[in-house]
Amino acid sequence: MKKMINPADLSRILKKYSNEWIALSNDQRRVLGRGKHPRDAYKKAVAKGEDRPILLRAPKDFGTYIL
């Protein structure tokens, strides 16, 4: 039986980083990088020691967003 992953509430993160790319830690608790381009967010996360960050773009206007 597969273990279900609880969806993370990203509403605060998405509001704070509106219209930017962000790199999250694998546990989805920390923002490790941000930027106008995904490569910028990725490079910052890798520099902080995260080898496989979760990349996503925070939309300018958003409603419910489940990851």
C-alpha atoms as a PDB file:
ATOM      1  CA  MET A   1       0.000   0.000   0.000  1.00  0.00           C
ATOM      2  CA  LYS A   2       1.381   3.395  -1.004  1.00  0.00           C
ATOM      3  CA  LYS A   3       1.866   6.071   1.607  1.00  0.00           C
ATOM      4  CA  MET A   4      -0.164   9.216   0.902  1.00  0.00           C
ATOM      5  CA  ILE A   5       1.674  12.522   0.987  1.00  0.00           C
ATOM      6  CA  ASN A   6      -0.125  15.362   2.713  1.00  0.00           C
ATOM      7  CA  PRO A   7      -0.477  18.421   0.497  1.00  0.00           C
ATOM      8  CA  ALA A   8       1.539  21.419   1.651  1.00  0.00           C
ATOM      9  CA  ASP A   9      -0.101  24.790   2.221  1.00  0.00           C
ATOM     10  CA  LEU A  10       1.953  27.083  -0.002  1.00  0.00           C
ATOM     11  CA  SER A  11      -0.329  30.109   0.205  1.00  0.00           C
ATOM     12  CA  ARG A  12       2.062  32.241   2.286  1.00  0.00           C
ATOM     13  CA  ILE A  13       5.008  31.361   0.097  1.00  0.00           C
ATOM     14  CA  LEU A  14       3.128  32.061  -3.109  1.00  0.00           C
ATOM     15  CA  LYS A  15       1.937  35.450  -1.856  1.00  0.00           C
ATOM     16  CA  LYS A  16       5.391  36.493  -0.687  1.00  0.00           C
ATOM     17  CA  TYR A  17       7.159  35.460  -3.900  1.00  0.00           C
ATOM     18  CA  SER A  18       4.436  36.422  -6.365  1.00  0.00           C
ATOM     19  CA  ASN A  19       5.494  36.157 -10.021  1.00  0.00           C
ATOM     20  CA  GLU A  20       8.899  34.577  -9.234  1.00  0.00           C
ATOM     21  CA  TRP A  21      10.468  31.144  -9.536  1.00  0.00           C
ATOM     22  CA  ILE A  22      11.179  29.522  -6.180  1.00  0.00           C
ATOM     23  CA  ALA A  23      13.170  26.479  -5.138  1.00  0.00           C
ATOM     24  CA  LEU A  24      11.852  24.566  -2.137  1.00  0.00           C
ATOM     25  CA  SER A  25      13.618  22.020   0.023  1.00  0.00           C
ATOM     26  CA  ASN A  26      12.468  18.432  -0.475  1.00  0.00           C
ATOM     27  CA  ASP A  27      10.406  18.630   2.721  1.00  0.00           C
ATOM     28  CA  GLN A  28       8.628  21.720   1.283  1.00  0.00           C
ATOM     29  CA  ARG A  29       9.336  23.732   4.446  1.00  0.00           C
ATOM     30  CA  ARG A  30      12.047  26.130   3.305  1.00  0.00           C
ATOM     31  CA  VAL A  31      12.539  28.424   0.344  1.00  0.00           C
ATOM     32  CA  LEU A  32      16.148  27.920  -0.685  1.00  0.00           C
ATOM     33  CA  GLY A  33      16.254  30.130  -3.748  1.00  0.00           C
ATOM     34  CA  ARG A  34      14.229  32.535  -5.822  1.00  0.00           C
ATOM     35  CA  GLY A  35      14.610  34.469  -9.034  1.00  0.00           C
ATOM     36  CA  LYS A  36      13.130  35.666 -12.286  1.00  0.00           C
ATOM     37  CA  HIS A  37      14.376  32.486 -14.010  1.00  0.00           C
ATOM     38  CA  PRO A  38      14.242  28.884 -12.756  1.00  0.00           C
ATOM     39  CA  ARG A  39      18.008  28.489 -13.143  1.00  0.00           C
ATOM     40  CA  ASP A  40      18.580  31.341 -10.663  1.00  0.00           C
ATOM     41  CA  ALA A  41      16.398  29.695  -8.010  1.00  0.00           C
ATOM     42  CA  TYR A  42      17.969  26.296  -8.726  1.00  0.00           C
ATOM     43  CA  LYS A  43      21.561  27.556  -8.425  1.00  0.00           C
ATOM     44  CA  LYS A  44      20.815  29.235  -5.092  1.00  0.00           C
ATOM     45  CA  ALA A  45      19.230  26.066  -3.708  1.00  0.00           C
ATOM     46  CA  VAL A  46      22.147  23.899  -4.825  1.00  0.00           C
ATOM     47  CA  ALA A  47      24.591  26.376  -3.256  1.00  0.00           C
ATOM     48  CA  LYS A  48      22.729  25.848   0.034  1.00  0.00           C
ATOM     49  CA  GLY A  49      23.211  22.086  -0.194  1.00  0.00           C
ATOM     50  CA  GLU A  50      19.923  20.878  -1.694  1.00  0.00           C
ATOM     51  CA  ASP A  51      20.768  18.485  -4.525  1.00  0.00           C
ATOM     52  CA  ARG A  52      17.183  18.043  -5.789  1.00  0.00           C
ATOM     53  CA  PRO A  53      15.118  21.142  -5.015  1.00  0.00           C
ATOM     54  CA  ILE A  54      11.463  21.451  -5.955  1.00  0.00           C
ATOM     55  CA  LEU A  55      11.075  24.244  -8.510  1.00  0.00           C
ATOM     56  CA  LEU A  56       7.827  26.073  -9.069  1.00  0.00           C
ATOM     57  CA  ARG A  57       6.637  29.417 -10.275  1.00  0.00           C
ATOM     58  CA  ALA A  58       4.519  31.486  -7.944  1.00  0.00           C
ATOM     59  CA  PRO A  59       1.767  32.947 -10.118  1.00  0.00           C
ATOM     60  CA  LYS A  60       1.036  36.646 -10.055  1.00  0.00           C
ATOM     61  CA  ASP A  61      -2.566  36.004  -9.036  1.00  0.00           C
ATOM     62  CA  PHE A  62      -3.542  32.718  -7.541  1.00  0.00           C
ATOM     63  CA  GLY A  63      -6.287  30.825  -5.801  1.00  0.00           C
ATOM     64  CA  THR A  64      -5.891  27.305  -4.490  1.00  0.00           C
ATOM     65  CA  TYR A  65      -2.549  25.743  -5.355  1.00  0.00           C
ATOM     66  CA  ILE A  66      -1.848  22.153  -4.300  1.00  0.00           C
ATOM     67  CA  LEU A  67       1.567  20.586  -4.753  1.00  0.00           C
END
